[in-house]
Amino acid sequence: MGTDLHESLRSLRVWDPAVTELPPFDPATAPGDPLALFTAWFAEAVDAGQTEPHTVSLATADAEGLPDVRVVMLHGADADGWSFATHAGSRKGRHLAARPYAALVFYWPVLGRQVRLRGPVAVAPAEEARADLRARSTGALAAALTGRQSADLDSPDELARASEAAWERAGREPDAPVPSWTLYRLRPDEVEFFQGDARRRHVRLSYRRTEEGGGWGTRLLWP
């Protein structure tokens, strides 16, 4: 007997107190730069045992403006932006070539927190992309060497053969070049921090980049 989707959905609860801590967040104490707050929240998510806190949903749009979203990994965050990587010829790479603007959202349910960012995306220098790939695991290099991301696949056997060859090369050549591997940086115009509250009095603090001097202004949003 199949599962009733709607019944299953109605049975679920958000932020089960048995596994979730909803810490207080006073926006009046937030730093003036969103990167500082993100760094603190990320560390707290790690300390709280959040599974894969570095995974992030990336939203892009194609040349016609049709949206798409997928989960990628954060490779870093600094004054130049939040970085992620992919093949230039992948679907998201093609989207960013046509429309170099994107949005990111982190969700850390163990703390009832989200962080949302949006802004223009730039391609990092090729040497930085190479260094980024070298710093990752053998498996990451093998996946990059397999290539053809988002292209049509004839069969699972074709993938298995290409993957085996890529793993062999990655083990033999840890510095093997992957010309299509591209490091992207999203430099946000807006960053929003969301802290869930058990009584649904959620806190939403939005940072927006100011025109003058490249600083940040903040405002609160209704949940």
Foldseek 3Di string as FASTA:
>chain_A
DDDDPVVVVVPDDAQDVVQAAQDDDDVVPDDQDVVVVVVVVLVVLVVSPFPQQQKKKKWFAALVRHIDIDIFGFLDADQQATKTKDFCPAPVNNRCVNPQKIKIKTARRNHQKMKIFIAGKDWDDPVVLLVSQLPDDLLSQLVLQLDPHNHDDPDVVVSVVSSVVSSVVCVVCVSDDRNRMIMMGGNGQKMWMWGADPVRQIWIKMWGFDPPPRTIDIDTDGD
